[in-house]
Amino acid sequence: MKPWLAVLVFILLLIVVAAGLFKVGQQYPIEAVPPATVATTPEPAPVAAIEPSPEPTLAAPVPIVFKRDGLNARIIHEVETVCGSNNSQVAVLESERGRWVCIVVAEERRFYSLDGDWRLQNFPALQRIGFIAPSPPVLKTMSIYRSVAKTAMQYNAAAGDRIIVLLCDRGGMLHLKLDWPTE
């Protein structure tokens, strides 16, 4: 190849590249960056007015309703691996205060076991219909029911989850009329 031809090809190549860069510059213009501003003194954050909290009101009682679907079904399945088929019923109340679970297992006598900060005063009907605190061996069995339920529901005490376990005669078990705590 002749040297003058190589120079000509090189110059044409430079012209093509320069034209391509010019076109790219038109498609993607470089914007000027505004100068940075430095605040000399920060402005204080606005202070929100503190409003008094409303007086607590006692809600109307919410009945404990036993079902065999959803989370209830998962808990029943786990509890009945311990107590046998068709020997339990479960109620779940889901609210902003957490998930509250009531497990009832068929047994000859009536016992109750409360979870967390619940007290017998939260369930006044229990004493009226003959539920009593369990002896240590019975309490151990009830804690097994509670334990398998906690696993089934992925229990979270910090989120307000609570469990009440009741042992009750089969006849009474089907006709329990209890309410969830209102406070």
N, C-alpha and C. Protein backbone atom coordinates (compact mmCIF):
# COMPACT_ATOMS: atom_id res chain seq x y z
N MET A 1 0.84 -1.16 0.00
CA MET A 1 0.00 0.00 0.00
C MET A 1 0.90 1.24 0.00
N LYS A 2 0.48 2.23 -0.70
CA LYS A 2 1.24 3.45 -0.87
C LYS A 2 1.10 4.28 0.40
N PRO A 3 2.17 4.97 0.81
CA PRO A 3 2.10 5.74 2.05
C PRO A 3 1.07 6.85 2.01
N TRP A 4 0.90 7.52 0.91
CA TRP A 4 -0.08 8.60 0.87
C TRP A 4 -1.50 8.06 1.03
N LEU A 5 -1.77 6.80 0.53
CA LEU A 5 -3.07 6.17 0.66
C LEU A 5 -3.35 5.82 2.12
N ALA A 6 -2.34 5.36 2.83
CA ALA A 6 -2.48 5.03 4.25
C ALA A 6 -2.82 6.28 5.05
N VAL A 7 -2.18 7.41 4.71
CA VAL A 7 -2.45 8.67 5.40
C VAL A 7 -3.88 9.11 5.11
N LEU A 8 -4.33 8.97 3.88
CA LEU A 8 -5.68 9.35 3.51
C LEU A 8 -6.71 8.50 4.26
N VAL A 9 -6.49 7.20 4.37
CA VAL A 9 -7.41 6.31 5.10
C VAL A 9 -7.42 6.69 6.58
N PHE A 10 -6.26 7.04 7.11
CA PHE A 10 -6.18 7.42 8.51
C PHE A 10 -6.96 8.70 8.77
N ILE A 11 -6.86 9.70 7.87
CA ILE A 11 -7.58 10.97 8.03
C ILE A 11 -9.08 10.74 7.92
N LEU A 12 -9.50 9.91 6.96
CA LEU A 12 -10.93 9.60 6.83
C LEU A 12 -11.46 8.90 8.09
N LEU A 13 -10.66 8.02 8.63
CA LEU A 13 -11.04 7.32 9.86
C LEU A 13 -11.21 8.31 11.01
N LEU A 14 -10.32 9.29 11.13
CA LEU A 14 -10.43 10.31 12.17
C LEU A 14 -11.69 11.14 12.00
N ILE A 15 -12.03 11.46 10.75
CA ILE A 15 -13.24 12.26 10.48
C ILE A 15 -14.49 11.47 10.87
N VAL A 16 -14.54 10.19 10.58
CA VAL A 16 -15.69 9.35 10.92
C VAL A 16 -15.83 9.25 12.44
N VAL A 17 -14.76 9.02 13.13
CA VAL A 17 -14.80 8.91 14.60
C VAL A 17 -15.24 10.23 15.21
N ALA A 18 -14.71 11.34 14.74
CA ALA A 18 -15.08 12.65 15.26
C ALA A 18 -16.56 12.93 15.03
N ALA A 19 -17.06 12.56 13.87
CA ALA A 19 -18.49 12.77 13.57
C ALA A 19 -19.35 11.90 14.50
N GLY A 20 -18.89 10.71 14.77
CA GLY A 20 -19.64 9.83 15.67
C GLY A 20 -19.68 10.39 17.09
N LEU A 21 -18.57 10.92 17.54
CA LEU A 21 -18.55 11.51 18.88
C LEU A 21 -19.43 12.74 18.96
N PHE A 22 -19.46 13.53 17.88
CA PHE A 22 -20.31 14.71 17.86
C PHE A 22 -21.78 14.31 17.97
N LYS A 23 -22.15 13.25 17.26
CA LYS A 23 -23.53 12.76 17.28
C LYS A 23 -23.90 12.26 18.69
N VAL A 24 -23.00 11.54 19.34
CA VAL A 24 -23.23 11.04 20.69
C VAL A 24 -23.39 12.21 21.65
N GLY A 25 -22.60 13.24 21.47
CA GLY A 25 -22.70 14.42 22.33
C GLY A 25 -24.04 15.12 22.20
N GLN A 26 -24.63 15.07 20.99
CA GLN A 26 -25.94 15.67 20.80
C GLN A 26 -27.03 14.83 21.46
N GLN A 27 -26.89 13.51 21.41
CA GLN A 27 -27.91 12.63 22.01
C GLN A 27 -27.85 12.65 23.53
N TYR A 28 -26.67 12.74 24.08
CA TYR A 28 -26.48 12.68 25.52
C TYR A 28 -25.70 13.91 25.98
N PRO A 29 -26.36 15.07 26.03
CA PRO A 29 -25.63 16.28 26.40
C PRO A 29 -25.14 16.21 27.84
N ILE A 30 -24.05 16.82 28.10
CA ILE A 30 -23.49 16.89 29.44
C ILE A 30 -24.12 18.08 30.13
N GLU A 31 -24.77 17.84 31.24
CA GLU A 31 -25.46 18.90 31.95
C GLU A 31 -24.51 19.52 32.96
N ALA A 32 -24.68 20.79 33.15
CA ALA A 32 -23.85 21.48 34.13
C ALA A 32 -24.31 21.09 35.53
N VAL A 33 -23.37 20.87 36.41
CA VAL A 33 -23.68 20.52 37.79
C VAL A 33 -23.77 21.81 38.58
N PRO A 34 -24.90 22.03 39.29
CA PRO A 34 -25.02 23.27 40.04
C PRO A 34 -24.00 23.29 41.18
N PRO A 35 -23.53 24.46 41.54
CA PRO A 35 -22.55 24.54 42.61
C PRO A 35 -23.16 24.07 43.93
N ALA A 36 -22.34 23.45 44.76
CA ALA A 36 -22.80 22.96 46.05
C ALA A 36 -23.05 24.13 46.99
N THR A 37 -24.08 23.97 47.79
CA THR A 37 -24.36 25.00 48.80
C THR A 37 -24.07 24.41 50.15
N VAL A 38 -23.50 25.20 51.00
CA VAL A 38 -23.15 24.76 52.34
C VAL A 38 -23.97 25.56 53.33
N ALA A 39 -24.74 24.87 54.13
CA ALA A 39 -25.53 25.54 55.15
C ALA A 39 -24.63 25.85 56.34
N THR A 40 -24.72 27.05 56.80
CA THR A 40 -23.85 27.43 57.91
C THR A 40 -24.40 26.95 59.24
N THR A 41 -25.71 27.00 59.41
CA THR A 41 -26.31 26.49 60.66
C THR A 41 -27.51 25.66 60.28
N PRO A 42 -27.58 24.44 60.80
CA PRO A 42 -28.74 23.61 60.47
C PRO A 42 -29.99 24.15 61.14
N GLU A 43 -31.10 24.01 60.40
CA GLU A 43 -32.37 24.44 60.99
C GLU A 43 -32.85 23.37 61.95
N PRO A 44 -33.39 23.77 63.10
CA PRO A 44 -33.87 22.77 64.05
C PRO A 44 -35.09 22.04 63.48
N ALA A 45 -35.18 20.76 63.82
CA ALA A 45 -36.31 19.95 63.37
C ALA A 45 -37.57 20.41 64.08
N PRO A 46 -38.69 20.43 63.36
CA PRO A 46 -39.93 20.86 64.02
C PRO A 46 -40.32 19.87 65.12
N VAL A 47 -40.82 20.41 66.20
CA VAL A 47 -41.23 19.58 67.33
C VAL A 47 -42.72 19.33 67.20
N ALA A 48 -43.08 18.05 67.19
CA ALA A 48 -44.49 17.68 67.09
C ALA A 48 -45.19 17.95 68.42
N ALA A 49 -46.38 18.43 68.32
CA ALA A 49 -47.15 18.66 69.54
C ALA A 49 -47.53 17.33 70.15
N ILE A 50 -47.38 17.23 71.44
CA ILE A 50 -47.73 15.99 72.13
C ILE A 50 -49.19 16.05 72.50
N GLU A 51 -49.92 15.10 71.93
CA GLU A 51 -51.34 15.04 72.23
C GLU A 51 -51.59 14.00 73.30
N PRO A 52 -52.48 14.27 74.23
CA PRO A 52 -52.77 13.26 75.24
C PRO A 52 -53.43 12.06 74.61
N SER A 53 -53.06 10.88 75.09
CA SER A 53 -53.66 9.66 74.55
C SER A 53 -55.11 9.56 75.01
N PRO A 54 -55.96 9.04 74.14
CA PRO A 54 -57.36 8.94 74.52
C PRO A 54 -57.53 7.95 75.66
N GLU A 55 -58.56 8.17 76.42
CA GLU A 55 -58.86 7.26 77.53
C GLU A 55 -59.20 5.88 76.97
N PRO A 56 -58.65 4.83 77.57
CA PRO A 56 -58.98 3.49 77.06
C PRO A 56 -60.45 3.18 77.29
N THR A 57 -61.02 2.52 76.31
CA THR A 57 -62.40 2.10 76.45
C THR A 57 -62.46 0.59 76.36
N LEU A 58 -63.32 0.01 77.13
CA LEU A 58 -63.48 -1.44 77.09
C LEU A 58 -64.38 -1.79 75.91
N ALA A 59 -63.88 -2.64 75.09
CA ALA A 59 -64.64 -3.06 73.93
C ALA A 59 -65.70 -4.08 74.35
N ALA A 60 -66.65 -4.25 73.47
CA ALA A 60 -67.66 -5.27 73.73
C ALA A 60 -66.99 -6.64 73.69
N PRO A 61 -67.47 -7.58 74.49
CA PRO A 61 -66.85 -8.91 74.49
C PRO A 61 -66.91 -9.56 73.11
N VAL A 62 -65.81 -10.23 72.77
CA VAL A 62 -65.73 -10.95 71.51
C VAL A 62 -65.78 -12.43 71.84
N PRO A 63 -66.77 -13.15 71.34
CA PRO A 63 -66.88 -14.58 71.67
C PRO A 63 -65.74 -15.40 71.07
N ILE A 64 -65.36 -16.43 71.79
CA ILE A 64 -64.37 -17.39 71.30
C ILE A 64 -65.11 -18.35 70.37
N VAL A 65 -64.70 -18.37 69.11
CA VAL A 65 -65.38 -19.19 68.10
C VAL A 65 -64.40 -20.25 67.60
N PHE A 66 -64.80 -21.49 67.72
CA PHE A 66 -63.94 -22.62 67.31
C PHE A 66 -64.20 -22.96 65.86
N LYS A 67 -63.09 -23.14 65.10
CA LYS A 67 -63.18 -23.48 63.68
C LYS A 67 -62.14 -24.55 63.37
N ARG A 68 -62.24 -25.11 62.17
CA ARG A 68 -61.29 -26.16 61.75
C ARG A 68 -60.65 -25.82 60.41
N ASP A 69 -60.38 -24.53 60.16
CA ASP A 69 -59.75 -24.15 58.90
C ASP A 69 -58.59 -23.19 59.16
N GLY A 70 -57.79 -22.94 58.13
CA GLY A 70 -56.69 -21.99 58.22
C GLY A 70 -55.68 -22.35 59.31
N LEU A 71 -55.28 -21.34 60.08
CA LEU A 71 -54.33 -21.54 61.17
C LEU A 71 -54.90 -22.51 62.21
N ASN A 72 -56.20 -22.44 62.44
CA ASN A 72 -56.85 -23.37 63.37
C ASN A 72 -56.56 -24.82 62.98
N ALA A 73 -56.68 -25.12 61.69
CA ALA A 73 -56.48 -26.49 61.21
C ALA A 73 -55.04 -26.94 61.44
N ARG A 74 -54.07 -26.04 61.21
CA ARG A 74 -52.66 -26.40 61.45
C ARG A 74 -52.42 -26.72 62.92
N ILE A 75 -53.00 -25.90 63.80
CA ILE A 75 -52.82 -26.13 65.24
C ILE A 75 -53.52 -27.42 65.66
N ILE A 76 -54.74 -27.63 65.18
CA ILE A 76 -55.47 -28.86 65.50
C ILE A 76 -54.67 -30.08 65.07
N HIS A 77 -54.12 -30.03 63.87
CA HIS A 77 -53.32 -31.16 63.37
C HIS A 77 -52.18 -31.48 64.33
N GLU A 78 -51.46 -30.47 64.77
CA GLU A 78 -50.32 -30.70 65.67
C GLU A 78 -50.77 -31.18 67.05
N VAL A 79 -51.82 -30.57 67.59
CA VAL A 79 -52.32 -30.97 68.91
C VAL A 79 -52.84 -32.40 68.87
N GLU A 80 -53.54 -32.76 67.78
CA GLU A 80 -54.12 -34.09 67.70
C GLU A 80 -53.09 -35.17 67.39
N THR A 81 -51.88 -34.80 67.03
CA THR A 81 -50.81 -35.81 66.97
C THR A 81 -50.46 -36.27 68.38
N VAL A 82 -50.79 -35.46 69.38
CA VAL A 82 -50.52 -35.80 70.78
C VAL A 82 -51.75 -36.40 71.45
N CYS A 83 -52.92 -35.77 71.25
CA CYS A 83 -54.11 -36.20 72.00
C CYS A 83 -55.02 -37.16 71.24
N GLY A 84 -54.78 -37.38 69.95
CA GLY A 84 -55.63 -38.27 69.16
C GLY A 84 -56.64 -37.49 68.33
N SER A 85 -57.11 -38.11 67.26
CA SER A 85 -58.02 -37.46 66.33
C SER A 85 -59.35 -37.10 66.97
N ASN A 86 -59.89 -35.98 66.53
CA ASN A 86 -61.20 -35.48 66.95
C ASN A 86 -61.31 -35.31 68.46
N ASN A 87 -60.21 -34.94 69.10
CA ASN A 87 -60.21 -34.70 70.54
C ASN A 87 -59.86 -33.26 70.89
N SER A 88 -59.91 -32.37 69.91
CA SER A 88 -59.58 -30.98 70.21
C SER A 88 -60.37 -30.03 69.33
N GLN A 89 -60.41 -28.79 69.79
CA GLN A 89 -60.95 -27.71 68.97
C GLN A 89 -60.12 -26.47 69.26
N VAL A 90 -60.04 -25.58 68.27
CA VAL A 90 -59.17 -24.42 68.38
C VAL A 90 -59.91 -23.18 67.88
N ALA A 91 -59.68 -22.09 68.60
CA ALA A 91 -60.17 -20.78 68.18
C ALA A 91 -58.97 -19.85 68.07
N VAL A 92 -58.98 -19.01 67.05
CA VAL A 92 -57.91 -18.03 66.86
C VAL A 92 -58.54 -16.67 66.65
N LEU A 93 -58.04 -15.68 67.37
CA LEU A 93 -58.45 -14.29 67.17
C LEU A 93 -57.20 -13.52 66.76
N GLU A 94 -57.22 -12.97 65.55
CA GLU A 94 -56.09 -12.18 65.07
C GLU A 94 -56.48 -10.71 65.12
N SER A 95 -55.64 -9.90 65.79
CA SER A 95 -55.91 -8.47 65.90
C SER A 95 -54.59 -7.72 66.00
N GLU A 96 -54.69 -6.40 66.15
CA GLU A 96 -53.47 -5.60 66.28
C GLU A 96 -52.74 -5.92 67.58
N ARG A 97 -53.41 -6.57 68.51
CA ARG A 97 -52.77 -6.95 69.79
C ARG A 97 -52.06 -8.29 69.70
N GLY A 98 -52.11 -8.96 68.57
CA GLY A 98 -51.46 -10.25 68.39
C GLY A 98 -52.47 -11.33 68.04
N ARG A 99 -51.98 -12.56 67.98
CA ARG A 99 -52.86 -13.70 67.70
C ARG A 99 -53.13 -14.40 69.02
N TRP A 100 -54.40 -14.53 69.34
CA TRP A 100 -54.80 -15.21 70.56
C TRP A 100 -55.41 -16.55 70.18
N VAL A 101 -54.95 -17.59 70.86
CA VAL A 101 -55.37 -18.96 70.53
C VAL A 101 -55.96 -19.61 71.77
N CYS A 102 -57.09 -20.26 71.58
CA CYS A 102 -57.72 -21.06 72.64
C CYS A 102 -57.77 -22.50 72.15
N ILE A 103 -57.11 -23.39 72.89
CA ILE A 103 -57.08 -24.81 72.55
C ILE A 103 -57.88 -25.55 73.60
N VAL A 104 -58.83 -26.34 73.17
CA VAL A 104 -59.62 -27.17 74.08
C VAL A 104 -59.38 -28.63 73.70
N VAL A 105 -59.01 -29.43 74.70
CA VAL A 105 -58.74 -30.85 74.48
C VAL A 105 -59.68 -31.66 75.37
N ALA A 106 -60.24 -32.72 74.81
CA ALA A 106 -61.18 -33.57 75.56
C ALA A 106 -60.45 -34.27 76.70
N GLU A 107 -61.03 -34.16 77.90
CA GLU A 107 -60.47 -34.76 79.12
C GLU A 107 -61.63 -34.93 80.09
N GLU A 108 -61.48 -35.78 81.10
CA GLU A 108 -62.57 -36.03 82.04
C GLU A 108 -62.88 -34.83 82.93
N ARG A 109 -61.87 -34.11 83.36
CA ARG A 109 -62.07 -32.97 84.26
C ARG A 109 -61.76 -31.67 83.54
N ARG A 110 -62.12 -30.55 84.19
CA ARG A 110 -61.93 -29.24 83.58
C ARG A 110 -60.75 -28.51 84.22
N PHE A 111 -59.73 -28.23 83.38
CA PHE A 111 -58.55 -27.50 83.83
C PHE A 111 -58.26 -26.36 82.86
N TYR A 112 -57.58 -25.33 83.36
CA TYR A 112 -57.15 -24.23 82.50
C TYR A 112 -55.67 -23.96 82.70
N SER A 113 -55.01 -23.50 81.65
CA SER A 113 -53.63 -23.05 81.69
C SER A 113 -53.53 -21.80 80.83
N LEU A 114 -53.15 -20.69 81.45
CA LEU A 114 -53.09 -19.40 80.77
C LEU A 114 -51.66 -19.04 80.40
N ASP A 115 -51.52 -18.26 79.37
CA ASP A 115 -50.23 -17.91 78.81
C ASP A 115 -49.89 -16.45 79.13
N GLY A 116 -48.59 -16.17 79.19
CA GLY A 116 -48.12 -14.80 79.30
C GLY A 116 -48.69 -14.06 80.48
N ASP A 117 -49.22 -12.89 80.19
CA ASP A 117 -49.73 -12.03 81.26
C ASP A 117 -51.23 -12.21 81.51
N TRP A 118 -51.83 -13.21 80.93
CA TRP A 118 -53.24 -13.47 81.19
C TRP A 118 -53.43 -14.05 82.58
N ARG A 119 -54.50 -13.66 83.21
CA ARG A 119 -54.86 -14.15 84.54
C ARG A 119 -56.29 -14.68 84.49
N LEU A 120 -56.66 -15.40 85.52
CA LEU A 120 -58.01 -15.95 85.58
C LEU A 120 -59.06 -14.84 85.50
N GLN A 121 -58.73 -13.65 85.99
CA GLN A 121 -59.67 -12.52 85.93
C GLN A 121 -59.99 -12.12 84.49
N ASN A 122 -59.09 -12.43 83.55
CA ASN A 122 -59.36 -12.13 82.15
C ASN A 122 -60.44 -13.05 81.55
N PHE A 123 -60.68 -14.18 82.20
CA PHE A 123 -61.66 -15.16 81.73
C PHE A 123 -62.60 -15.50 82.89
N PRO A 124 -63.48 -14.58 83.28
CA PRO A 124 -64.33 -14.81 84.45
C PRO A 124 -65.25 -16.02 84.33
N ALA A 125 -65.60 -16.42 83.13
CA ALA A 125 -66.51 -17.55 82.96
C ALA A 125 -65.86 -18.88 83.34
N LEU A 126 -64.54 -18.96 83.29
CA LEU A 126 -63.87 -20.24 83.56
C LEU A 126 -64.21 -20.77 84.95
N GLN A 127 -64.11 -19.94 85.97
CA GLN A 127 -64.43 -20.40 87.33
C GLN A 127 -65.92 -20.73 87.45
N ARG A 128 -66.75 -19.90 86.84
CA ARG A 128 -68.20 -20.13 86.93
C ARG A 128 -68.60 -21.48 86.36
N ILE A 129 -67.90 -21.95 85.31
CA ILE A 129 -68.30 -23.22 84.70
C ILE A 129 -67.38 -24.37 85.12
N GLY A 130 -66.63 -24.18 86.21
CA GLY A 130 -65.95 -25.29 86.85
C GLY A 130 -64.52 -25.60 86.43
N PHE A 131 -63.83 -24.67 85.77
CA PHE A 131 -62.43 -24.90 85.42
C PHE A 131 -61.55 -24.57 86.63
N ILE A 132 -60.54 -25.40 86.86
CA ILE A 132 -59.62 -25.20 87.98
C ILE A 132 -58.18 -25.25 87.47
N ALA A 133 -57.27 -24.77 88.31
CA ALA A 133 -55.84 -24.84 87.96
C ALA A 133 -55.40 -26.29 88.00
N PRO A 134 -54.54 -26.71 87.09
CA PRO A 134 -54.13 -28.12 87.02
C PRO A 134 -53.03 -28.46 88.03
N SER A 135 -52.95 -29.74 88.34
CA SER A 135 -51.84 -30.25 89.14
C SER A 135 -50.60 -30.31 88.25
N PRO A 136 -49.38 -30.42 88.82
CA PRO A 136 -48.17 -30.43 87.99
C PRO A 136 -48.15 -31.49 86.87
N PRO A 137 -48.58 -32.74 87.11
CA PRO A 137 -48.56 -33.69 85.98
C PRO A 137 -49.50 -33.30 84.85
N VAL A 138 -50.68 -32.77 85.21
CA VAL A 138 -51.64 -32.34 84.18
C VAL A 138 -51.10 -31.10 83.46
N LEU A 139 -50.49 -30.19 84.21
CA LEU A 139 -49.91 -28.99 83.62
C LEU A 139 -48.82 -29.35 82.60
N LYS A 140 -48.07 -30.41 82.88
CA LYS A 140 -47.03 -30.84 81.95
C LYS A 140 -47.65 -31.28 80.61
N THR A 141 -48.74 -32.02 80.69
CA THR A 141 -49.44 -32.44 79.46
C THR A 141 -49.97 -31.22 78.72
N MET A 142 -50.54 -30.27 79.45
CA MET A 142 -51.07 -29.06 78.82
C MET A 142 -49.96 -28.24 78.17
N SER A 143 -48.78 -28.26 78.77
CA SER A 143 -47.67 -27.51 78.18
C SER A 143 -47.20 -28.16 76.87
N ILE A 144 -47.40 -29.46 76.75
CA ILE A 144 -47.07 -30.13 75.48
C ILE A 144 -48.02 -29.62 74.38
N TYR A 145 -49.31 -29.52 74.71
CA TYR A 145 -50.27 -28.98 73.73
C TYR A 145 -49.87 -27.56 73.34
N ARG A 146 -49.50 -26.75 74.33
CA ARG A 146 -49.10 -25.38 74.08
C ARG A 146 -47.85 -25.35 73.18
N SER A 147 -46.90 -26.22 73.47
CA SER A 147 -45.65 -26.25 72.71
C SER A 147 -45.87 -26.59 71.23
N VAL A 148 -46.67 -27.60 70.95
CA VAL A 148 -46.91 -27.96 69.55
C VAL A 148 -47.71 -26.87 68.84
N ALA A 149 -48.59 -26.19 69.57
CA ALA A 149 -49.35 -25.08 68.98
C ALA A 149 -48.42 -23.92 68.65
N LYS A 150 -47.47 -23.64 69.54
CA LYS A 150 -46.52 -22.56 69.28
C LYS A 150 -45.72 -22.83 68.00
N THR A 151 -45.35 -24.07 67.81
CA THR A 151 -44.60 -24.42 66.60
C THR A 151 -45.49 -24.24 65.37
N ALA A 152 -46.72 -24.71 65.44
CA ALA A 152 -47.63 -24.64 64.29
C ALA A 152 -47.94 -23.20 63.89
N MET A 153 -48.02 -22.31 64.86
CA MET A 153 -48.40 -20.92 64.56
C MET A 153 -47.21 -19.98 64.47
N GLN A 154 -46.00 -20.50 64.67
CA GLN A 154 -44.79 -19.66 64.71
C GLN A 154 -45.00 -18.54 65.73
N TYR A 155 -45.24 -18.97 66.93
CA TYR A 155 -45.56 -18.11 68.08
C TYR A 155 -44.55 -16.99 68.26
N ASN A 156 -45.05 -15.78 68.54
CA ASN A 156 -44.20 -14.62 68.78
C ASN A 156 -44.77 -13.84 69.96
N ALA A 157 -44.27 -14.09 71.15
CA ALA A 157 -44.78 -13.43 72.36
C ALA A 157 -44.61 -11.92 72.27
N ALA A 158 -43.52 -11.46 71.68
CA ALA A 158 -43.27 -10.02 71.58
C ALA A 158 -44.32 -9.32 70.71
N ALA A 159 -44.93 -10.05 69.79
CA ALA A 159 -45.97 -9.49 68.93
C ALA A 159 -47.36 -9.59 69.56
N GLY A 160 -47.43 -10.14 70.78
CA GLY A 160 -48.71 -10.23 71.48
C GLY A 160 -49.39 -11.58 71.37
N ASP A 161 -48.74 -12.57 70.78
CA ASP A 161 -49.36 -13.90 70.68
C ASP A 161 -49.55 -14.47 72.08
N ARG A 162 -50.73 -15.07 72.32
CA ARG A 162 -51.05 -15.68 73.61
C ARG A 162 -51.84 -16.96 73.36
N ILE A 163 -51.70 -17.92 74.29
CA ILE A 163 -52.41 -19.20 74.17
C ILE A 163 -53.04 -19.54 75.50
N ILE A 164 -54.29 -19.98 75.45
CA ILE A 164 -54.96 -20.56 76.61
C ILE A 164 -55.25 -22.01 76.24
N VAL A 165 -54.93 -22.91 77.16
CA VAL A 165 -55.21 -24.34 76.95
C VAL A 165 -56.24 -24.76 77.98
N LEU A 166 -57.29 -25.38 77.51
CA LEU A 166 -58.36 -25.88 78.38
C LEU A 166 -58.50 -27.39 78.19
N LEU A 167 -58.66 -28.09 79.28
CA LEU A 167 -59.06 -29.50 79.23
C LEU A 167 -60.50 -29.52 79.69
N CYS A 168 -61.34 -30.24 78.97
CA CYS A 168 -62.77 -30.19 79.26
C CYS A 168 -63.42 -31.51 78.83
N ASP A 169 -64.46 -31.90 79.59
CA ASP A 169 -65.20 -33.11 79.21
C ASP A 169 -65.80 -32.91 77.82
N ARG A 170 -65.91 -34.01 77.09
CA ARG A 170 -66.35 -33.93 75.69
C ARG A 170 -67.71 -33.26 75.55
N GLY A 171 -68.64 -33.54 76.42
CA GLY A 171 -69.96 -32.92 76.34
C GLY A 171 -69.89 -31.40 76.52
N GLY A 172 -69.13 -30.96 77.49
CA GLY A 172 -68.99 -29.53 77.74
C GLY A 172 -68.15 -28.84 76.68
N MET A 173 -67.23 -29.58 76.11
CA MET A 173 -66.32 -29.03 75.11
C MET A 173 -67.08 -28.48 73.90
N LEU A 174 -68.14 -29.15 73.52
CA LEU A 174 -68.89 -28.75 72.35
C LEU A 174 -69.81 -27.55 72.59
N HIS A 175 -70.03 -27.22 73.88
CA HIS A 175 -70.98 -26.15 74.20
C HIS A 175 -70.34 -25.02 75.00
N LEU A 176 -69.02 -24.89 74.94
CA LEU A 176 -68.35 -23.82 75.67
C LEU A 176 -68.76 -22.46 75.12
N LYS A 177 -69.08 -21.55 76.01
CA LYS A 177 -69.40 -20.18 75.63
C LYS A 177 -68.47 -19.28 76.44
N LEU A 178 -67.38 -18.86 75.80
CA LEU A 178 -66.37 -18.03 76.44
C LEU A 178 -66.12 -16.79 75.56
N ASP A 179 -65.58 -15.77 76.20
CA ASP A 179 -65.20 -14.55 75.48
C ASP A 179 -63.70 -14.31 75.61
N TRP A 180 -63.14 -13.64 74.59
CA TRP A 180 -61.75 -13.22 74.66
C TRP A 180 -61.64 -12.08 75.67
N PRO A 181 -60.48 -11.92 76.30
CA PRO A 181 -60.31 -10.78 77.21
C PRO A 181 -60.50 -9.45 76.48
N THR A 182 -61.08 -8.48 77.18
CA THR A 182 -61.30 -7.17 76.58
C THR A 182 -60.22 -6.18 76.96
N GLU A 183 -59.34 -6.53 77.86
CA GLU A 183 -58.27 -5.61 78.26
C GLU A 183 -56.94 -6.26 78.23
